[in-house]
Amino acid sequence: MSEEKGEGAPDSKDSVEQPVVPVVPVVEPPINSIDRANEAVDRMKAENDRAEALLVRQEALRSEEILGGQADAGQVVPPVDPEQAQKDRVNKMLEGTGRSI
């Protein structure tokens, strides 16, 4: 007499026990002050490189601006009387008070 085993029924001859592996949580080492200092140095180096690139761009723009070839020839600049300019500034400051010089 043979017994038929259904699907999914464990077979004592074919089953092999799987070893149980214990799960160990991964614990990261605490960050010490040296690690923090190294991270700060890396951030500062990156920021210095960025600032240097911006400075190079600013210098190039400034040199183009200076050497751009614009001329002020032909423009008439009216003479400014220093006393009148000072009175105009004072009157502008006193504008809201109703007083003037």
PDB file of N, CA and C in Angstrom:
ATOM      1  N   MET A   1       0.814  -1.163   0.000  1.00  0.00           N
ATOM      2  CA  MET A   1       0.000   0.000   0.000  1.00  0.00           C
ATOM      3  C   MET A   1       0.872   1.246   0.000  1.00  0.00           C
ATOM      4  N   SER A   2       0.632   2.068  -0.924  1.00  0.00           N
ATOM      5  CA  SER A   2       1.441   3.278  -0.977  1.00  0.00           C
ATOM      6  C   SER A   2       0.575   4.476  -0.646  1.00  0.00           C
ATOM      7  N   GLU A   3       1.138   5.297   0.137  1.00  0.00           N
ATOM      8  CA  GLU A   3       0.414   6.511   0.497  1.00  0.00           C
ATOM      9  C   GLU A   3       0.897   7.647  -0.387  1.00  0.00           C
ATOM     10  N   GLU A   4      -0.055   8.331  -0.895  1.00  0.00           N
ATOM     11  CA  GLU A   4       0.313   9.483  -1.712  1.00  0.00           C
ATOM     12  C   GLU A   4       0.348  10.719  -0.820  1.00  0.00           C
ATOM     13  N   LYS A   5       1.390  11.466  -1.026  1.00  0.00           N
ATOM     14  CA  LYS A   5       1.515  12.690  -0.232  1.00  0.00           C
ATOM     15  C   LYS A   5       1.021  13.869  -1.072  1.00  0.00           C
ATOM     16  N   GLY A   6       0.318  14.717  -0.431  1.00  0.00           N
ATOM     17  CA  GLY A   6      -0.185  15.894  -1.122  1.00  0.00           C
ATOM     18  C   GLY A   6       0.926  16.915  -1.332  1.00  0.00           C
ATOM     19  N   GLU A   7       0.640  17.841  -2.183  1.00  0.00           N
ATOM     20  CA  GLU A   7       1.636  18.880  -2.431  1.00  0.00           C
ATOM     21  C   GLU A   7       1.833  19.701  -1.177  1.00  0.00           C
ATOM     22  N   GLY A   8       3.025  20.039  -0.900  1.00  0.00           N
ATOM     23  CA  GLY A   8       3.320  20.865   0.256  1.00  0.00           C
ATOM     24  C   GLY A   8       3.509  20.061   1.524  1.00  0.00           C
ATOM     25  N   ALA A   9       3.272  18.778   1.481  1.00  0.00           N
ATOM     26  CA  ALA A   9       3.489  17.957   2.677  1.00  0.00           C
ATOM     27  C   ALA A   9       4.972  17.728   2.811  1.00  0.00           C
ATOM     28  N   PRO A  10       5.504  17.867   4.003  1.00  0.00           N
ATOM     29  CA  PRO A  10       6.955  17.694   4.171  1.00  0.00           C
ATOM     30  C   PRO A  10       7.350  16.244   3.969  1.00  0.00           C
ATOM     31  N   ASP A  11       8.394  16.061   3.260  1.00  0.00           N
ATOM     32  CA  ASP A  11       8.946  14.733   3.021  1.00  0.00           C
ATOM     33  C   ASP A  11      10.152  14.578   3.925  1.00  0.00           C
ATOM     34  N   SER A  12      10.158  13.570   4.758  1.00  0.00           N
ATOM     35  CA  SER A  12      11.224  13.424   5.735  1.00  0.00           C
ATOM     36  C   SER A  12      12.558  13.123   5.081  1.00  0.00           C
ATOM     37  N   LYS A  13      12.560  12.513   3.915  1.00  0.00           N
ATOM     38  CA  LYS A  13      13.819  12.190   3.262  1.00  0.00           C
ATOM     39  C   LYS A  13      14.413  13.401   2.542  1.00  0.00           C
ATOM     40  N   ASP A  14      13.556  14.240   1.950  1.00  0.00           N
ATOM     41  CA  ASP A  14      14.049  15.353   1.130  1.00  0.00           C
ATOM     42  C   ASP A  14      14.239  16.644   1.915  1.00  0.00           C
ATOM     43  N   SER A  15      13.660  16.736   3.073  1.00  0.00           N
ATOM     44  CA  SER A  15      13.751  18.015   3.801  1.00  0.00           C
ATOM     45  C   SER A  15      15.102  18.138   4.493  1.00  0.00           C
ATOM     46  N   VAL A  16      15.675  19.309   4.343  1.00  0.00           N
ATOM     47  CA  VAL A  16      16.958  19.617   4.970  1.00  0.00           C
ATOM     48  C   VAL A  16      16.725  20.834   5.847  1.00  0.00           C
ATOM     49  N   GLU A  17      17.169  20.742   7.054  1.00  0.00           N
ATOM     50  CA  GLU A  17      16.980  21.880   7.955  1.00  0.00           C
ATOM     51  C   GLU A  17      17.907  23.020   7.564  1.00  0.00           C
ATOM     52  N   GLN A  18      17.328  24.205   7.477  1.00  0.00           N
ATOM     53  CA  GLN A  18      18.100  25.407   7.173  1.00  0.00           C
ATOM     54  C   GLN A  18      18.677  25.935   8.478  1.00  0.00           C
ATOM     55  N   PRO A  19      19.964  26.273   8.495  1.00  0.00           N
ATOM     56  CA  PRO A  19      20.532  26.832   9.722  1.00  0.00           C
ATOM     57  C   PRO A  19      19.934  28.216   9.984  1.00  0.00           C
ATOM     58  N   VAL A  20      19.666  28.478  11.221  1.00  0.00           N
ATOM     59  CA  VAL A  20      19.102  29.768  11.601  1.00  0.00           C
ATOM     60  C   VAL A  20      20.248  30.734  11.867  1.00  0.00           C
ATOM     61  N   VAL A  21      20.232  31.839  11.119  1.00  0.00           N
ATOM     62  CA  VAL A  21      21.268  32.858  11.265  1.00  0.00           C
ATOM     63  C   VAL A  21      20.706  33.953  12.164  1.00  0.00           C
ATOM     64  N   PRO A  22      21.376  34.234  13.262  1.00  0.00           N
ATOM     65  CA  PRO A  22      20.866  35.290  14.145  1.00  0.00           C
ATOM     66  C   PRO A  22      21.014  36.663  13.479  1.00  0.00           C
ATOM     67  N   VAL A  23      20.022  37.500  13.645  1.00  0.00           N
ATOM     68  CA  VAL A  23      20.040  38.850  13.090  1.00  0.00           C
ATOM     69  C   VAL A  23      20.684  39.773  14.108  1.00  0.00           C
ATOM     70  N   VAL A  24      21.775  40.372  13.683  1.00  0.00           N
ATOM     71  CA  VAL A  24      22.510  41.279  14.559  1.00  0.00           C
ATOM     72  C   VAL A  24      22.307  42.696  14.018  1.00  0.00           C
ATOM     73  N   PRO A  25      21.781  43.583  14.825  1.00  0.00           N
ATOM     74  CA  PRO A  25      21.578  44.956  14.327  1.00  0.00           C
ATOM     75  C   PRO A  25      22.919  45.638  14.064  1.00  0.00           C
ATOM     76  N   VAL A  26      22.942  46.414  12.978  1.00  0.00           N
ATOM     77  CA  VAL A  26      24.154  47.140  12.628  1.00  0.00           C
ATOM     78  C   VAL A  26      24.175  48.428  13.449  1.00  0.00           C
ATOM     79  N   VAL A  27      25.218  48.575  14.195  1.00  0.00           N
ATOM     80  CA  VAL A  27      25.362  49.762  15.033  1.00  0.00           C
ATOM     81  C   VAL A  27      26.526  50.570  14.480  1.00  0.00           C
ATOM     82  N   GLU A  28      26.216  51.809  14.089  1.00  0.00           N
ATOM     83  CA  GLU A  28      27.274  52.673  13.576  1.00  0.00           C
ATOM     84  C   GLU A  28      28.049  53.251  14.751  1.00  0.00           C
ATOM     85  N   PRO A  29      29.341  53.397  14.572  1.00  0.00           N
ATOM     86  CA  PRO A  29      30.123  53.973  15.674  1.00  0.00           C
ATOM     87  C   PRO A  29      29.718  55.428  15.884  1.00  0.00           C
ATOM     88  N   PRO A  30      29.777  55.908  17.085  1.00  0.00           N
ATOM     89  CA  PRO A  30      29.397  57.297  17.338  1.00  0.00           C
ATOM     90  C   PRO A  30      30.355  58.257  16.626  1.00  0.00           C
ATOM     91  N   ILE A  31      29.809  59.367  16.204  1.00  0.00           N
ATOM     92  CA  ILE A  31      30.628  60.362  15.506  1.00  0.00           C
ATOM     93  C   ILE A  31      31.387  61.153  16.560  1.00  0.00           C
ATOM     94  N   ASN A  32      32.697  61.162  16.420  1.00  0.00           N
ATOM     95  CA  ASN A  32      33.506  61.908  17.386  1.00  0.00           C
ATOM     96  C   ASN A  32      33.891  63.263  16.799  1.00  0.00           C
ATOM     97  N   SER A  33      34.564  64.048  17.576  1.00  0.00           N
ATOM     98  CA  SER A  33      34.876  65.412  17.162  1.00  0.00           C
ATOM     99  C   SER A  33      35.857  65.443  15.991  1.00  0.00           C
ATOM    100  N   ILE A  34      36.711  64.466  15.875  1.00  0.00           N
ATOM    101  CA  ILE A  34      37.654  64.433  14.748  1.00  0.00           C
ATOM    102  C   ILE A  34      36.902  64.206  13.452  1.00  0.00           C
ATOM    103  N   ASP A  35      35.926  63.295  13.470  1.00  0.00           N
ATOM    104  CA  ASP A  35      35.127  63.060  12.275  1.00  0.00           C
ATOM    105  C   ASP A  35      34.347  64.315  11.890  1.00  0.00           C
ATOM    106  N   ARG A  36      33.797  64.990  12.885  1.00  0.00           N
ATOM    107  CA  ARG A  36      33.059  66.228  12.614  1.00  0.00           C
ATOM    108  C   ARG A  36      33.985  67.290  12.032  1.00  0.00           C
ATOM    109  N   ALA A  37      35.185  67.383  12.563  1.00  0.00           N
ATOM    110  CA  ALA A  37      36.154  68.361  12.056  1.00  0.00           C
ATOM    111  C   ALA A  37      36.534  68.031  10.618  1.00  0.00           C
ATOM    112  N   ASN A  38      36.734  66.760  10.323  1.00  0.00           N
ATOM    113  CA  ASN A  38      37.065  66.365   8.950  1.00  0.00           C
ATOM    114  C   ASN A  38      35.929  66.692   7.991  1.00  0.00           C
ATOM    115  N   GLU A  39      34.693  66.476   8.427  1.00  0.00           N
ATOM    116  CA  GLU A  39      33.546  66.815   7.584  1.00  0.00           C
ATOM    117  C   GLU A  39      33.480  68.320   7.366  1.00  0.00           C
ATOM    118  N   ALA A  40      33.757  69.089   8.398  1.00  0.00           N
ATOM    119  CA  ALA A  40      33.742  70.547   8.268  1.00  0.00           C
ATOM    120  C   ALA A  40      34.836  71.007   7.307  1.00  0.00           C
ATOM    121  N   VAL A  41      35.998  70.392   7.380  1.00  0.00           N
ATOM    122  CA  VAL A  41      37.095  70.737   6.468  1.00  0.00           C
ATOM    123  C   VAL A  41      36.699  70.439   5.029  1.00  0.00           C
ATOM    124  N   ASP A  42      36.057  69.312   4.801  1.00  0.00           N
ATOM    125  CA  ASP A  42      35.620  68.967   3.450  1.00  0.00           C
ATOM    126  C   ASP A  42      34.601  69.978   2.919  1.00  0.00           C
ATOM    127  N   ARG A  43      33.672  70.367   3.791  1.00  0.00           N
ATOM    128  CA  ARG A  43      32.675  71.360   3.364  1.00  0.00           C
ATOM    129  C   ARG A  43      33.337  72.704   3.071  1.00  0.00           C
ATOM    130  N   MET A  44      34.300  73.095   3.896  1.00  0.00           N
ATOM    131  CA  MET A  44      34.989  74.370   3.683  1.00  0.00           C
ATOM    132  C   MET A  44      35.801  74.353   2.391  1.00  0.00           C
ATOM    133  N   LYS A  45      36.448  73.232   2.099  1.00  0.00           N
ATOM    134  CA  LYS A  45      37.209  73.127   0.853  1.00  0.00           C
ATOM    135  C   LYS A  45      36.285  73.264  -0.354  1.00  0.00           C
ATOM    136  N   ALA A  46      35.147  72.608  -0.302  1.00  0.00           N
ATOM    137  CA  ALA A  46      34.195  72.692  -1.409  1.00  0.00           C
ATOM    138  C   ALA A  46      33.682  74.122  -1.576  1.00  0.00           C
ATOM    139  N   GLU A  47      33.399  74.787  -0.476  1.00  0.00           N
ATOM    140  CA  GLU A  47      32.903  76.163  -0.540  1.00  0.00           C
ATOM    141  C   GLU A  47      33.995  77.111  -1.020  1.00  0.00           C
ATOM    142  N   ASN A  48      35.242  76.890  -0.618  1.00  0.00           N
ATOM    143  CA  ASN A  48      36.348  77.720  -1.097  1.00  0.00           C
ATOM    144  C   ASN A  48      36.549  77.551  -2.598  1.00  0.00           C
ATOM    145  N   ASP A  49      36.431  76.326  -3.092  1.00  0.00           N
ATOM    146  CA  ASP A  49      36.549  76.101  -4.530  1.00  0.00           C
ATOM    147  C   ASP A  49      35.448  76.840  -5.285  1.00  0.00           C
ATOM    148  N   ARG A  50      34.250  76.805  -4.732  1.00  0.00           N
ATOM    149  CA  ARG A  50      33.122  77.489  -5.358  1.00  0.00           C
ATOM    150  C   ARG A  50      33.348  79.000  -5.350  1.00  0.00           C
ATOM    151  N   ALA A  51      33.818  79.537  -4.235  1.00  0.00           N
ATOM    152  CA  ALA A  51      34.075  80.972  -4.128  1.00  0.00           C
ATOM    153  C   ALA A  51      35.191  81.401  -5.082  1.00  0.00           C
ATOM    154  N   GLU A  52      36.192  80.559  -5.230  1.00  0.00           N
ATOM    155  CA  GLU A  52      37.292  80.878  -6.145  1.00  0.00           C
ATOM    156  C   GLU A  52      36.792  80.936  -7.585  1.00  0.00           C
ATOM    157  N   ALA A  53      35.917  80.003  -7.952  1.00  0.00           N
ATOM    158  CA  ALA A  53      35.358  80.007  -9.309  1.00  0.00           C
ATOM    159  C   ALA A  53      34.535  81.276  -9.536  1.00  0.00           C
ATOM    160  N   LEU A  54      33.771  81.693  -8.533  1.00  0.00           N
ATOM    161  CA  LEU A  54      32.987  82.920  -8.661  1.00  0.00           C
ATOM    162  C   LEU A  54      33.890  84.143  -8.774  1.00  0.00           C
ATOM    163  N   LEU A  55      34.984  84.156  -8.032  1.00  0.00           N
ATOM    164  CA  LEU A  55      35.912  85.274  -8.091  1.00  0.00           C
ATOM    165  C   LEU A  55      36.547  85.387  -9.476  1.00  0.00           C
ATOM    166  N   VAL A  56      36.894  84.269 -10.070  1.00  0.00           N
ATOM    167  CA  VAL A  56      37.477  84.278 -11.415  1.00  0.00           C
ATOM    168  C   VAL A  56      36.474  84.865 -12.401  1.00  0.00           C
ATOM    169  N   ARG A  57      35.216  84.470 -12.260  1.00  0.00           N
ATOM    170  CA  ARG A  57      34.178  85.013 -13.148  1.00  0.00           C
ATOM    171  C   ARG A  57      34.005  86.511 -12.949  1.00  0.00           C
ATOM    172  N   GLN A  58      34.016  86.965 -11.682  1.00  0.00           N
ATOM    173  CA  GLN A  58      33.864  88.390 -11.408  1.00  0.00           C
ATOM    174  C   GLN A  58      35.032  89.191 -11.972  1.00  0.00           C
ATOM    175  N   GLU A  59      36.241  88.654 -11.844  1.00  0.00           N
ATOM    176  CA  GLU A  59      37.412  89.347 -12.381  1.00  0.00           C
ATOM    177  C   GLU A  59      37.321  89.463 -13.894  1.00  0.00           C
ATOM    178  N   ALA A  60      36.872  88.407 -14.548  1.00  0.00           N
ATOM    179  CA  ALA A  60      36.735  88.438 -16.003  1.00  0.00           C
ATOM    180  C   ALA A  60      35.686  89.471 -16.421  1.00  0.00           C
ATOM    181  N   LEU A  61      34.558  89.510 -15.726  1.00  0.00           N
ATOM    182  CA  LEU A  61      33.523  90.489 -16.050  1.00  0.00           C
ATOM    183  C   LEU A  61      34.007  91.912 -15.818  1.00  0.00           C
ATOM    184  N   ARG A  62      34.734  92.111 -14.730  1.00  0.00           N
ATOM    185  CA  ARG A  62      35.244  93.451 -14.418  1.00  0.00           C
ATOM    186  C   ARG A  62      36.257  93.904 -15.461  1.00  0.00           C
ATOM    187  N   SER A  63      37.127  92.999 -15.891  1.00  0.00           N
ATOM    188  CA  SER A  63      38.114  93.390 -16.901  1.00  0.00           C
ATOM    189  C   SER A  63      37.428  93.696 -18.236  1.00  0.00           C
ATOM    190  N   GLU A  64      36.376  92.950 -18.588  1.00  0.00           N
ATOM    191  CA  GLU A  64      35.628  93.267 -19.807  1.00  0.00           C
ATOM    192  C   GLU A  64      34.949  94.625 -19.682  1.00  0.00           C
ATOM    193  N   GLU A  65      34.454  94.916 -18.494  1.00  0.00           N
ATOM    194  CA  GLU A  65      33.784  96.194 -18.269  1.00  0.00           C
ATOM    195  C   GLU A  65      34.772  97.349 -18.403  1.00  0.00           C
ATOM    196  N   ILE A  66      35.964  97.174 -17.838  1.00  0.00           N
ATOM    197  CA  ILE A  66      36.967  98.241 -17.885  1.00  0.00           C
ATOM    198  C   ILE A  66      37.521  98.401 -19.295  1.00  0.00           C
ATOM    199  N   LEU A  67      37.792  97.290 -19.949  1.00  0.00           N
ATOM    200  CA  LEU A  67      38.417  97.345 -21.268  1.00  0.00           C
ATOM    201  C   LEU A  67      37.395  97.283 -22.401  1.00  0.00           C
ATOM    202  N   GLY A  68      36.153  97.527 -22.090  1.00  0.00           N
ATOM    203  CA  GLY A  68      35.081  97.398 -23.075  1.00  0.00           C
ATOM    204  C   GLY A  68      35.107  98.426 -24.179  1.00  0.00           C
ATOM    205  N   GLY A  69      35.815  99.507 -24.037  1.00  0.00           N
ATOM    206  CA  GLY A  69      35.933 100.480 -25.102  1.00  0.00           C
ATOM    207  C   GLY A  69      34.838 101.532 -25.103  1.00  0.00           C
ATOM    208  N   GLN A  70      34.148 101.724 -24.022  1.00  0.00           N
ATOM    209  CA  GLN A  70      33.150 102.775 -23.974  1.00  0.00           C
ATOM    210  C   GLN A  70      33.843 104.111 -23.756  1.00  0.00           C
ATOM    211  N   ALA A  71      33.321 105.094 -24.419  1.00  0.00           N
ATOM    212  CA  ALA A  71      33.909 106.419 -24.287  1.00  0.00           C
ATOM    213  C   ALA A  71      32.855 107.395 -23.797  1.00  0.00           C
ATOM    214  N   ASP A  72      33.296 108.369 -23.039  1.00  0.00           N
ATOM    215  CA  ASP A  72      32.403 109.403 -22.559  1.00  0.00           C
ATOM    216  C   ASP A  72      32.537 110.668 -23.392  1.00  0.00           C
ATOM    217  N   ALA A  73      33.195 110.601 -24.506  1.00  0.00           N
ATOM    218  CA  ALA A  73      33.428 111.779 -25.339  1.00  0.00           C
ATOM    219  C   ALA A  73      32.104 112.297 -25.896  1.00  0.00           C
ATOM    220  N   GLY A  74      31.987 113.610 -25.943  1.00  0.00           N
ATOM    221  CA  GLY A  74      30.800 114.236 -26.506  1.00  0.00           C
ATOM    222  C   GLY A  74      29.685 114.453 -25.507  1.00  0.00           C
ATOM    223  N   GLN A  75      29.800 113.945 -24.326  1.00  0.00           N
ATOM    224  CA  GLN A  75      28.761 114.153 -23.324  1.00  0.00           C
ATOM    225  C   GLN A  75      29.096 115.406 -22.524  1.00  0.00           C
ATOM    226  N   VAL A  76      28.115 116.263 -22.405  1.00  0.00           N
ATOM    227  CA  VAL A  76      28.318 117.506 -21.670  1.00  0.00           C
ATOM    228  C   VAL A  76      27.807 117.308 -20.243  1.00  0.00           C
ATOM    229  N   VAL A  77      28.691 117.515 -19.283  1.00  0.00           N
ATOM    230  CA  VAL A  77      28.333 117.387 -17.880  1.00  0.00           C
ATOM    231  C   VAL A  77      28.182 118.801 -17.324  1.00  0.00           C
ATOM    232  N   PRO A  78      26.963 119.108 -16.873  1.00  0.00           N
ATOM    233  CA  PRO A  78      26.783 120.473 -16.364  1.00  0.00           C
ATOM    234  C   PRO A  78      27.573 120.679 -15.069  1.00  0.00           C
ATOM    235  N   PRO A  79      28.130 121.876 -14.884  1.00  0.00           N
ATOM    236  CA  PRO A  79      28.865 122.142 -13.649  1.00  0.00           C
ATOM    237  C   PRO A  79      27.900 122.173 -12.455  1.00  0.00           C
ATOM    238  N   VAL A  80      28.347 121.656 -11.332  1.00  0.00           N
ATOM    239  CA  VAL A  80      27.528 121.598 -10.130  1.00  0.00           C
ATOM    240  C   VAL A  80      28.131 122.523  -9.090  1.00  0.00           C
ATOM    241  N   ASP A  81      27.292 123.427  -8.573  1.00  0.00           N
ATOM    242  CA  ASP A  81      27.725 124.328  -7.506  1.00  0.00           C
ATOM    243  C   ASP A  81      27.617 123.555  -6.194  1.00  0.00           C
ATOM    244  N   PRO A  82      28.712 123.392  -5.426  1.00  0.00           N
ATOM    245  CA  PRO A  82      28.658 122.613  -4.191  1.00  0.00           C
ATOM    246  C   PRO A  82      27.664 123.165  -3.165  1.00  0.00           C
ATOM    247  N   GLU A  83      27.553 124.493  -3.068  1.00  0.00           N
ATOM    248  CA  GLU A  83      26.615 125.071  -2.106  1.00  0.00           C
ATOM    249  C   GLU A  83      25.173 124.782  -2.498  1.00  0.00           C
ATOM    250  N   GLN A  84      24.869 124.900  -3.786  1.00  0.00           N
ATOM    251  CA  GLN A  84      23.511 124.630  -4.244  1.00  0.00           C
ATOM    252  C   GLN A  84      23.171 123.148  -4.080  1.00  0.00           C
ATOM    253  N   ALA A  85      24.139 122.288  -4.310  1.00  0.00           N
ATOM    254  CA  ALA A  85      23.903 120.854  -4.136  1.00  0.00           C
ATOM    255  C   ALA A  85      23.605 120.533  -2.676  1.00  0.00           C
ATOM    256  N   GLN A  86      24.303 121.201  -1.766  1.00  0.00           N
ATOM    257  CA  GLN A  86      24.061 120.973  -0.342  1.00  0.00           C
ATOM    258  C   GLN A  86      22.679 121.478   0.055  1.00  0.00           C
ATOM    259  N   LYS A  87      22.276 122.633  -0.460  1.00  0.00           N
ATOM    260  CA  LYS A  87      20.950 123.169  -0.168  1.00  0.00           C
ATOM    261  C   LYS A  87      19.864 122.236  -0.707  1.00  0.00           C
ATOM    262  N   ASP A  88      20.093 121.694  -1.882  1.00  0.00           N
ATOM    263  CA  ASP A  88      19.113 120.764  -2.467  1.00  0.00           C
ATOM    264  C   ASP A  88      18.960 119.516  -1.596  1.00  0.00           C
ATOM    265  N   ARG A  89      20.067 118.998  -1.072  1.00  0.00           N
ATOM    266  CA  ARG A  89      20.003 117.820  -0.196  1.00  0.00           C
ATOM    267  C   ARG A  89      19.256 118.135   1.098  1.00  0.00           C
ATOM    268  N   VAL A  90      19.526 119.322   1.678  1.00  0.00           N
ATOM    269  CA  VAL A  90      18.855 119.708   2.920  1.00  0.00           C
ATOM    270  C   VAL A  90      17.364 119.895   2.666  1.00  0.00           C
ATOM    271  N   ASN A  91      17.013 120.554   1.577  1.00  0.00           N
ATOM    272  CA  ASN A  91      15.599 120.761   1.254  1.00  0.00           C
ATOM    273  C   ASN A  91      14.882 119.437   1.011  1.00  0.00           C
ATOM    274  N   LYS A  92      15.565 118.504   0.429  1.00  0.00           N
ATOM    275  CA  LYS A  92      14.948 117.193   0.191  1.00  0.00           C
ATOM    276  C   LYS A  92      14.683 116.484   1.519  1.00  0.00           C
ATOM    277  N   MET A  93      15.611 116.630   2.479  1.00  0.00           N
ATOM    278  CA  MET A  93      15.423 116.002   3.790  1.00  0.00           C
ATOM    279  C   MET A  93      14.309 116.687   4.568  1.00  0.00           C
ATOM    280  N   LEU A  94      14.153 118.006   4.404  1.00  0.00           N
ATOM    281  CA  LEU A  94      13.136 118.764   5.127  1.00  0.00           C
ATOM    282  C   LEU A  94      11.801 118.791   4.381  1.00  0.00           C
ATOM    283  N   GLU A  95      11.713 118.104   3.288  1.00  0.00           N
ATOM    284  CA  GLU A  95      10.545 118.142   2.415  1.00  0.00           C
ATOM    285  C   GLU A  95       9.235 117.868   3.148  1.00  0.00           C
ATOM    286  N   GLY A  96       9.187 116.898   4.003  1.00  0.00           N
ATOM    287  CA  GLY A  96       7.954 116.523   4.692  1.00  0.00           C
ATOM    288  C   GLY A  96       7.605 117.401   5.874  1.00  0.00           C
ATOM    289  N   THR A  97       8.525 118.251   6.317  1.00  0.00           N
ATOM    290  CA  THR A  97       8.271 119.063   7.505  1.00  0.00           C
ATOM    291  C   THR A  97       7.642 120.420   7.176  1.00  0.00           C
ATOM    292  N   GLY A  98       7.674 120.813   5.917  1.00  0.00           N
ATOM    293  CA  GLY A  98       7.119 122.108   5.544  1.00  0.00           C
ATOM    294  C   GLY A  98       8.137 123.224   5.641  1.00  0.00           C
ATOM    295  N   ARG A  99       9.330 122.947   5.999  1.00  0.00           N
ATOM    296  CA  ARG A  99      10.384 123.948   6.085  1.00  0.00           C
ATOM    297  C   ARG A  99      11.314 123.809   4.894  1.00  0.00           C
ATOM    298  N   SER A 100      12.067 124.849   4.615  1.00  0.00           N
ATOM    299  CA  SER A 100      13.082 124.799   3.564  1.00  0.00           C
ATOM    300  C   SER A 100      14.101 125.894   3.811  1.00  0.00           C
ATOM    301  N   ILE A 101      15.193 125.835   3.103  1.00  0.00           N
ATOM    302  CA  ILE A 101      16.254 126.829   3.251  1.00  0.00           C
ATOM    303  C   ILE A 101      16.235 127.748   2.070  1.00  0.00           C
TER     304      ILE A 101
END
